[in-house]
PDB file of N, CA and C in Angstrom:
ATOM      1  N   MET A   1      -6.103  24.262   6.604  1.00  0.00           N
ATOM      2  CA  MET A   1      -6.047  22.820   6.466  1.00  0.00           C
ATOM      3  C   MET A   1      -4.932  21.810   7.191  1.00  0.00           C
ATOM      4  N   GLU A   2      -5.358  20.405   7.731  1.00  0.00           N
ATOM      5  CA  GLU A   2      -4.776  19.864   8.692  1.00  0.00           C
ATOM      6  C   GLU A   2      -4.145  18.968   7.774  1.00  0.00           C
ATOM      7  N   THR A   3      -2.587  19.164   8.599  1.00  0.00           N
ATOM      8  CA  THR A   3      -1.628  17.857   8.046  1.00  0.00           C
ATOM      9  C   THR A   3      -1.891  16.608   8.924  1.00  0.00           C
ATOM     10  N   MET A   4      -0.847  15.979   8.524  1.00  0.00           N
ATOM     11  CA  MET A   4      -0.660  14.699   8.625  1.00  0.00           C
ATOM     12  C   MET A   4       0.082  13.976   8.652  1.00  0.00           C
ATOM     13  N   SER A   5       0.600  12.673   9.217  1.00  0.00           N
ATOM     14  CA  SER A   5       2.093  11.868   8.956  1.00  0.00           C
ATOM     15  C   SER A   5       1.439  10.571   7.965  1.00  0.00           C
ATOM     16  N   PHE A   6       2.082  10.034   7.441  1.00  0.00           N
ATOM     17  CA  PHE A   6       2.230   9.004   7.038  1.00  0.00           C
ATOM     18  C   PHE A   6       3.896   8.343   6.554  1.00  0.00           C
ATOM     19  N   ARG A   7       3.842   6.976   6.064  1.00  0.00           N
ATOM     20  CA  ARG A   7       4.948   6.755   6.566  1.00  0.00           C
ATOM     21  C   ARG A   7       5.663   6.741   4.989  1.00  0.00           C
ATOM     22  N   GLY A   8       4.881   6.757   3.941  1.00  0.00           N
ATOM     23  CA  GLY A   8       5.835   6.527   2.520  1.00  0.00           C
ATOM     24  C   GLY A   8       5.587   7.824   1.854  1.00  0.00           C
ATOM     25  N   GLY A   9       5.308   7.518   0.411  1.00  0.00           N
ATOM     26  CA  GLY A   9       5.153   8.376  -0.305  1.00  0.00           C
ATOM     27  C   GLY A   9       5.112   8.539  -1.552  1.00  0.00           C
ATOM     28  N   SER A  10       5.107   7.277  -2.301  1.00  0.00           N
ATOM     29  CA  SER A  10       5.202   7.121  -3.888  1.00  0.00           C
ATOM     30  C   SER A  10       3.683   6.086  -3.755  1.00  0.00           C
ATOM     31  N   HIS A  11       3.047   6.436  -4.989  1.00  0.00           N
ATOM     32  CA  HIS A  11       2.426   5.658  -5.481  1.00  0.00           C
ATOM     33  C   HIS A  11       1.145   5.315  -4.553  1.00  0.00           C
ATOM     34  N   MET A  12       0.791   6.596  -3.709  1.00  0.00           N
ATOM     35  CA  MET A  12      -0.517   6.325  -2.850  1.00  0.00           C
ATOM     36  C   MET A  12      -2.005   6.277  -3.018  1.00  0.00           C
ATOM     37  N   SER A  13      -2.479   5.905  -2.400  1.00  0.00           N
ATOM     38  CA  SER A  13      -3.847   5.828  -2.935  1.00  0.00           C
ATOM     39  C   SER A  13      -4.675   5.342  -1.183  1.00  0.00           C
ATOM     40  N   PHE A  14      -6.023   6.521  -1.424  1.00  0.00           N
ATOM     41  CA  PHE A  14      -7.095   6.509  -0.438  1.00  0.00           C
ATOM     42  C   PHE A  14      -8.276   5.477  -0.590  1.00  0.00           C
ATOM     43  N   ASN A  15      -8.394   4.627   0.414  1.00  0.00           N
ATOM     44  CA  ASN A  15      -9.594   3.750   0.144  1.00  0.00           C
ATOM     45  C   ASN A  15     -10.935   4.454  -0.214  1.00  0.00           C
ATOM     46  N   PRO A  16     -11.815   4.117  -0.674  1.00  0.00           N
ATOM     47  CA  PRO A  16     -12.906   4.515  -0.826  1.00  0.00           C
ATOM     48  C   PRO A  16     -13.623   5.265   0.250  1.00  0.00           C
ATOM     49  N   GLU A  17     -13.406   5.248   1.758  1.00  0.00           N
ATOM     50  CA  GLU A  17     -13.635   5.881   2.778  1.00  0.00           C
ATOM     51  C   GLU A  17     -13.392   7.333   2.866  1.00  0.00           C
ATOM     52  N   GLY A  18     -11.913   7.149   2.076  1.00  0.00           N
ATOM     53  CA  GLY A  18     -10.935   8.578   2.315  1.00  0.00           C
ATOM     54  C   GLY A  18     -10.275   8.726   3.168  1.00  0.00           C
ATOM     55  N   THR A  19     -10.662   7.577   4.398  1.00  0.00           N
ATOM     56  CA  THR A  19     -10.198   7.294   5.830  1.00  0.00           C
ATOM     57  C   THR A  19      -8.341   6.507   6.096  1.00  0.00           C
ATOM     58  N   VAL A  20      -7.657   6.197   4.688  1.00  0.00           N
ATOM     59  CA  VAL A  20      -6.962   5.381   5.159  1.00  0.00           C
ATOM     60  C   VAL A  20      -6.142   5.636   3.426  1.00  0.00           C
ATOM     61  N   ILE A  21      -4.851   5.877   3.971  1.00  0.00           N
ATOM     62  CA  ILE A  21      -3.990   5.819   2.412  1.00  0.00           C
ATOM     63  C   ILE A  21      -3.077   4.863   2.184  1.00  0.00           C
ATOM     64  N   SER A  22      -2.948   3.801   1.298  1.00  0.00           N
ATOM     65  CA  SER A  22      -2.090   3.289   1.533  1.00  0.00           C
ATOM     66  C   SER A  22      -0.869   3.602   0.524  1.00  0.00           C
ATOM     67  N   ASP A  23       0.194   3.170   0.749  1.00  0.00           N
ATOM     68  CA  ASP A  23       1.532   3.712  -0.005  1.00  0.00           C
ATOM     69  C   ASP A  23       2.526   2.826  -0.006  1.00  0.00           C
ATOM     70  N   VAL A  24       3.383   3.202  -0.664  1.00  0.00           N
ATOM     71  CA  VAL A  24       4.924   2.631  -0.615  1.00  0.00           C
ATOM     72  C   VAL A  24       6.170   2.619  -0.243  1.00  0.00           C
ATOM     73  N   VAL A  25       6.707   2.115   0.378  1.00  0.00           N
ATOM     74  CA  VAL A  25       7.978   2.473   1.384  1.00  0.00           C
ATOM     75  C   VAL A  25       9.269   1.933   0.260  1.00  0.00           C
ATOM     76  N   ARG A  26      10.234   2.521  -0.515  1.00  0.00           N
ATOM     77  CA  ARG A  26      11.292   2.363  -1.276  1.00  0.00           C
ATOM     78  C   ARG A  26      11.183   0.797  -2.175  1.00  0.00           C
ATOM     79  N   HIS A  27       9.947   0.524  -2.649  1.00  0.00           N
ATOM     80  CA  HIS A  27       8.945  -0.196  -2.855  1.00  0.00           C
ATOM     81  C   HIS A  27       9.484  -1.688  -2.535  1.00  0.00           C
ATOM     82  N   ARG A  28       9.588  -1.755  -1.074  1.00  0.00           N
ATOM     83  CA  ARG A  28       9.952  -3.014  -0.230  1.00  0.00           C
ATOM     84  C   ARG A  28       8.333  -3.402   0.370  1.00  0.00           C
ATOM     85  N   TRP A  29       7.569  -2.248   0.748  1.00  0.00           N
ATOM     86  CA  TRP A  29       7.182  -2.343   1.964  1.00  0.00           C
ATOM     87  C   TRP A  29       5.687  -1.634   1.586  1.00  0.00           C
ATOM     88  N   LEU A  30       4.467  -2.571   1.819  1.00  0.00           N
ATOM     89  CA  LEU A  30       2.793  -1.567   1.391  1.00  0.00           C
ATOM     90  C   LEU A  30       2.845  -1.456   3.182  1.00  0.00           C
ATOM     91  N   TRP A  31       2.598   0.248   2.984  1.00  0.00           N
ATOM     92  CA  TRP A  31       1.739   0.645   4.276  1.00  0.00           C
ATOM     93  C   TRP A  31       0.648   0.953   4.198  1.00  0.00           C
ATOM     94  N   ALA A  32      -0.289   1.230   5.458  1.00  0.00           N
ATOM     95  CA  ALA A  32      -1.270   2.000   5.625  1.00  0.00           C
ATOM     96  C   ALA A  32      -1.357   2.843   6.735  1.00  0.00           C
ATOM     97  N   SER A  33      -2.009   3.963   6.198  1.00  0.00           N
ATOM     98  CA  SER A  33      -1.645   4.985   6.925  1.00  0.00           C
ATOM     99  C   SER A  33      -3.430   5.827   7.558  1.00  0.00           C
ATOM    100  N   PRO A  34      -3.697   5.597   8.382  1.00  0.00           N
ATOM    101  CA  PRO A  34      -5.106   5.590   8.749  1.00  0.00           C
ATOM    102  C   PRO A  34      -4.986   7.081   9.312  1.00  0.00           C
ATOM    103  N   LEU A  35      -5.929   7.678   8.423  1.00  0.00           N
ATOM    104  CA  LEU A  35      -5.822   9.112   8.723  1.00  0.00           C
ATOM    105  C   LEU A  35      -6.454   9.323  10.514  1.00  0.00           C
ATOM    106  N   GLY A  36      -5.070  10.299  11.038  1.00  0.00           N
ATOM    107  CA  GLY A  36      -5.412  10.609  12.663  1.00  0.00           C
ATOM    108  C   GLY A  36      -5.074   9.560  13.329  1.00  0.00           C
ATOM    109  N   GLY A  37      -4.123   8.456  12.748  1.00  0.00           N
ATOM    110  CA  GLY A  37      -4.372   6.858  13.396  1.00  0.00           C
ATOM    111  C   GLY A  37      -2.712   7.205  12.830  1.00  0.00           C
ATOM    112  N   THR A  38      -2.215   5.354  13.609  1.00  0.00           N
ATOM    113  CA  THR A  38      -0.466   5.037  13.247  1.00  0.00           C
ATOM    114  C   THR A  38      -0.384   4.846  11.986  1.00  0.00           C
ATOM    115  N   PRO A  39       0.839   4.579  11.276  1.00  0.00           N
ATOM    116  CA  PRO A  39       0.719   4.029  10.307  1.00  0.00           C
ATOM    117  C   PRO A  39       1.550   2.750  10.055  1.00  0.00           C
ATOM    118  N   ASP A  40       1.191   1.717   9.809  1.00  0.00           N
ATOM    119  CA  ASP A  40       1.209   0.620   9.526  1.00  0.00           C
ATOM    120  C   ASP A  40       1.799  -0.137   8.514  1.00  0.00           C
ATOM    121  N   SER A  41       3.143  -0.972   8.550  1.00  0.00           N
ATOM    122  CA  SER A  41       3.221  -1.879   7.571  1.00  0.00           C
ATOM    123  C   SER A  41       2.680  -3.177   7.700  1.00  0.00           C
ATOM    124  N   THR A  42       1.705  -3.347   6.096  1.00  0.00           N
ATOM    125  CA  THR A  42       0.684  -4.476   6.090  1.00  0.00           C
ATOM    126  C   THR A  42       1.565  -5.490   5.386  1.00  0.00           C
ATOM    127  N   PHE A  43       2.414  -4.648   4.473  1.00  0.00           N
ATOM    128  CA  PHE A  43       2.543  -6.458   3.916  1.00  0.00           C
ATOM    129  C   PHE A  43       4.377  -6.107   3.086  1.00  0.00           C
ATOM    130  N   ALA A  44       4.770  -7.356   2.791  1.00  0.00           N
ATOM    131  CA  ALA A  44       6.637  -6.796   2.122  1.00  0.00           C
ATOM    132  C   ALA A  44       7.011  -8.430   1.909  1.00  0.00           C
ATOM    133  N   PHE A  45       7.539  -8.674   0.821  1.00  0.00           N
ATOM    134  CA  PHE A  45       8.257  -9.406   0.391  1.00  0.00           C
ATOM    135  C   PHE A  45       9.434 -10.007   0.778  1.00  0.00           C
ATOM    136  N   ASP A  46       9.752 -11.257   0.662  1.00  0.00           N
ATOM    137  CA  ASP A  46      11.318 -11.117   1.704  1.00  0.00           C
ATOM    138  C   ASP A  46      12.225 -10.963   0.709  1.00  0.00           C
ATOM    139  N   ASP A  47      11.996 -11.437  -0.752  1.00  0.00           N
ATOM    140  CA  ASP A  47      13.099 -11.499  -1.787  1.00  0.00           C
ATOM    141  C   ASP A  47      13.400  -9.520  -2.067  1.00  0.00           C
ATOM    142  N   PRO A  48      14.736  -9.286  -1.596  1.00  0.00           N
ATOM    143  CA  PRO A  48      15.122  -7.748  -2.019  1.00  0.00           C
ATOM    144  C   PRO A  48      15.013  -7.759  -3.384  1.00  0.00           C
ATOM    145  N   ALA A  49      15.238  -8.056  -4.342  1.00  0.00           N
ATOM    146  CA  ALA A  49      14.414  -8.365  -5.877  1.00  0.00           C
ATOM    147  C   ALA A  49      13.636  -8.105  -5.933  1.00  0.00           C
ATOM    148  N   VAL A  50      12.483  -8.046  -5.438  1.00  0.00           N
ATOM    149  CA  VAL A  50      11.030  -8.052  -5.656  1.00  0.00           C
ATOM    150  C   VAL A  50      10.488  -6.363  -5.151  1.00  0.00           C
ATOM    151  N   ARG A  51       9.780  -5.953  -6.238  1.00  0.00           N
ATOM    152  CA  ARG A  51       9.291  -4.652  -5.738  1.00  0.00           C
ATOM    153  C   ARG A  51       8.242  -4.841  -5.625  1.00  0.00           C
ATOM    154  N   VAL A  52       7.341  -4.014  -4.696  1.00  0.00           N
ATOM    155  CA  VAL A  52       6.061  -3.624  -4.096  1.00  0.00           C
ATOM    156  C   VAL A  52       5.229  -1.898  -4.911  1.00  0.00           C
ATOM    157  N   ASP A  53       4.777  -1.936  -6.170  1.00  0.00           N
ATOM    158  CA  ASP A  53       4.566  -0.654  -7.043  1.00  0.00           C
ATOM    159  C   ASP A  53       2.524  -0.708  -6.926  1.00  0.00           C
ATOM    160  N   TYR A  54       2.282   0.732  -7.279  1.00  0.00           N
ATOM    161  CA  TYR A  54       1.197   0.904  -7.393  1.00  0.00           C
ATOM    162  C   TYR A  54       0.423   0.263  -6.780  1.00  0.00           C
ATOM    163  N   PRO A  55      -0.354   0.706  -5.298  1.00  0.00           N
ATOM    164  CA  PRO A  55      -1.417  -0.262  -4.670  1.00  0.00           C
ATOM    165  C   PRO A  55      -2.682   0.606  -5.219  1.00  0.00           C
ATOM    166  N   VAL A  56      -3.233  -0.003  -5.289  1.00  0.00           N
ATOM    167  CA  VAL A  56      -4.956   0.770  -5.415  1.00  0.00           C
ATOM    168  C   VAL A  56      -6.472   0.135  -4.474  1.00  0.00           C
ATOM    169  N   TRP A  57      -6.921   0.970  -4.078  1.00  0.00           N
ATOM    170  CA  TRP A  57      -8.219   0.128  -3.269  1.00  0.00           C
ATOM    171  C   TRP A  57      -9.397  -0.446  -4.346  1.00  0.00           C
ATOM    172  N   SER A  58     -10.100  -1.241  -4.068  1.00  0.00           N
ATOM    173  CA  SER A  58     -10.902  -2.029  -4.631  1.00  0.00           C
ATOM    174  C   SER A  58     -11.769  -1.196  -4.326  1.00  0.00           C
ATOM    175  N   PRO A  59     -13.383  -0.847  -5.463  1.00  0.00           N
ATOM    176  CA  PRO A  59     -14.159  -0.138  -4.699  1.00  0.00           C
ATOM    177  C   PRO A  59     -14.983  -0.171  -3.317  1.00  0.00           C
ATOM    178  N   ASP A  60     -14.810  -1.607  -3.438  1.00  0.00           N
ATOM    179  CA  ASP A  60     -15.999  -1.405  -2.493  1.00  0.00           C
ATOM    180  C   ASP A  60     -14.767  -1.789  -1.091  1.00  0.00           C
ATOM    181  N   GLY A  61     -13.946  -1.498  -0.848  1.00  0.00           N
ATOM    182  CA  GLY A  61     -12.191  -1.096   0.030  1.00  0.00           C
ATOM    183  C   GLY A  61     -12.372  -2.484   0.827  1.00  0.00           C
ATOM    184  N   ARG A  62     -12.615  -3.786   0.364  1.00  0.00           N
ATOM    185  CA  ARG A  62     -12.379  -4.758   0.896  1.00  0.00           C
ATOM    186  C   ARG A  62     -10.742  -5.626   0.112  1.00  0.00           C
ATOM    187  N   TRP A  63     -10.321  -5.051  -0.471  1.00  0.00           N
ATOM    188  CA  TRP A  63      -9.150  -5.251  -0.885  1.00  0.00           C
ATOM    189  C   TRP A  63      -7.752  -4.080  -1.745  1.00  0.00           C
ATOM    190  N   ILE A  64      -7.099  -4.668  -1.283  1.00  0.00           N
ATOM    191  CA  ILE A  64      -5.737  -3.657  -1.936  1.00  0.00           C
ATOM    192  C   ILE A  64      -5.166  -4.426  -3.098  1.00  0.00           C
ATOM    193  N   LEU A  65      -4.759  -3.848  -3.949  1.00  0.00           N
ATOM    194  CA  LEU A  65      -4.267  -4.410  -5.609  1.00  0.00           C
ATOM    195  C   LEU A  65      -3.099  -3.718  -5.332  1.00  0.00           C
ATOM    196  N   PHE A  66      -1.639  -4.718  -5.835  1.00  0.00           N
ATOM    197  CA  PHE A  66      -0.918  -4.645  -6.239  1.00  0.00           C
ATOM    198  C   PHE A  66       0.103  -4.510  -6.779  1.00  0.00           C
ATOM    199  N   ASP A  67       0.958  -4.081  -7.599  1.00  0.00           N
ATOM    200  CA  ASP A  67       1.807  -4.695  -8.488  1.00  0.00           C
ATOM    201  C   ASP A  67       3.434  -5.390  -8.076  1.00  0.00           C
ATOM    202  N   ARG A  68       3.648  -6.623  -8.384  1.00  0.00           N
ATOM    203  CA  ARG A  68       4.774  -7.217  -7.894  1.00  0.00           C
ATOM    204  C   ARG A  68       5.837  -6.874  -8.670  1.00  0.00           C
ATOM    205  N   SER A  69       6.936  -6.680  -9.028  1.00  0.00           N
ATOM    206  CA  SER A  69       7.734  -6.792 -10.131  1.00  0.00           C
ATOM    207  C   SER A  69       9.002  -7.348  -9.378  1.00  0.00           C
ATOM    208  N   LYS A  70       9.599  -8.028 -10.339  1.00  0.00           N
ATOM    209  CA  LYS A  70      10.786  -8.732  -9.947  1.00  0.00           C
ATOM    210  C   LYS A  70      11.632  -9.049 -11.739  1.00  0.00           C
ATOM    211  N   PRO A  71      12.660  -9.714 -11.174  1.00  0.00           N
ATOM    212  CA  PRO A  71      13.691  -9.519 -12.657  1.00  0.00           C
ATOM    213  C   PRO A  71      12.512 -10.191 -14.063  1.00  0.00           C
ATOM    214  N   GLU A  72      12.500 -11.405 -13.641  1.00  0.00           N
ATOM    215  CA  GLU A  72      11.653 -12.214 -14.434  1.00  0.00           C
ATOM    216  C   GLU A  72      10.722 -11.504 -14.871  1.00  0.00           C
ATOM    217  N   GLY A  73       9.562 -11.075 -14.555  1.00  0.00           N
ATOM    218  CA  GLY A  73       8.139 -10.585 -14.862  1.00  0.00           C
ATOM    219  C   GLY A  73       7.642  -9.609 -13.671  1.00  0.00           C
ATOM    220  N   GLY A  74       6.827  -9.490 -13.650  1.00  0.00           N
ATOM    221  CA  GLY A  74       5.396  -9.005 -12.454  1.00  0.00           C
ATOM    222  C   GLY A  74       4.236  -9.752 -12.725  1.00  0.00           C
ATOM    223  N   ASP A  75       3.299  -9.545 -11.795  1.00  0.00           N
ATOM    224  CA  ASP A  75       1.962 -10.160 -11.451  1.00  0.00           C
ATOM    225  C   ASP A  75       1.214  -8.801 -10.975  1.00  0.00           C
ATOM    226  N   ILE A  76       0.069  -9.394 -10.549  1.00  0.00           N
ATOM    227  CA  ILE A  76      -0.870  -8.820  -9.637  1.00  0.00           C
ATOM    228  C   ILE A  76      -0.893  -8.924  -8.263  1.00  0.00           C
ATOM    229  N   TRP A  77      -1.109  -8.711  -7.330  1.00  0.00           N
ATOM    230  CA  TRP A  77      -1.930  -9.720  -6.011  1.00  0.00           C
ATOM    231  C   TRP A  77      -2.629  -8.639  -5.563  1.00  0.00           C
ATOM    232  N   LEU A  78      -3.568  -9.185  -4.600  1.00  0.00           N
ATOM    233  CA  LEU A  78      -4.461  -8.713  -3.697  1.00  0.00           C
ATOM    234  C   LEU A  78      -4.849  -9.253  -2.577  1.00  0.00           C
ATOM    235  N   MET A  79      -4.898  -8.498  -1.581  1.00  0.00           N
ATOM    236  CA  MET A  79      -4.906  -8.505   0.211  1.00  0.00           C
ATOM    237  C   MET A  79      -6.467  -8.197   0.708  1.00  0.00           C
ATOM    238  N   GLU A  80      -6.175  -8.504   1.540  1.00  0.00           N
ATOM    239  CA  GLU A  80      -7.419  -7.808   2.539  1.00  0.00           C
ATOM    240  C   GLU A  80      -6.675  -6.417   3.229  1.00  0.00           C
ATOM    241  N   PRO A  81      -6.980  -5.265   3.510  1.00  0.00           N
ATOM    242  CA  PRO A  81      -6.729  -4.831   4.058  1.00  0.00           C
ATOM    243  C   PRO A  81      -6.632  -5.689   5.587  1.00  0.00           C
ATOM    244  N   SER A  82      -5.625  -5.118   6.861  1.00  0.00           N
ATOM    245  CA  SER A  82      -5.630  -5.431   7.873  1.00  0.00           C
ATOM    246  C   SER A  82      -6.413  -4.462   8.616  1.00  0.00           C
ATOM    247  N   LYS A  83      -7.981  -4.461   9.760  1.00  0.00           N
ATOM    248  CA  LYS A  83      -8.325  -3.935  10.170  1.00  0.00           C
ATOM    249  C   LYS A  83      -8.059  -3.473  11.356  1.00  0.00           C
TER     250      LYS A  83
END
């Protein structure tokens, strides 16, 4: 079994090809960790009261969807993954 490094460790999700793991670090930063590559911070909200949670990839790999949670409620965001 091969070991790998990734940045976070909560709410991890593989892209459809199984080559990139998206994960959340301290519920503040969304990271992308390519297998065999360097982890990259892809997104964070400026407001420290806002949490990033539960990233999932769209079936075609074109989008990452995630939950933005803040004291007054939450919503779903989507973004294009960095290439």
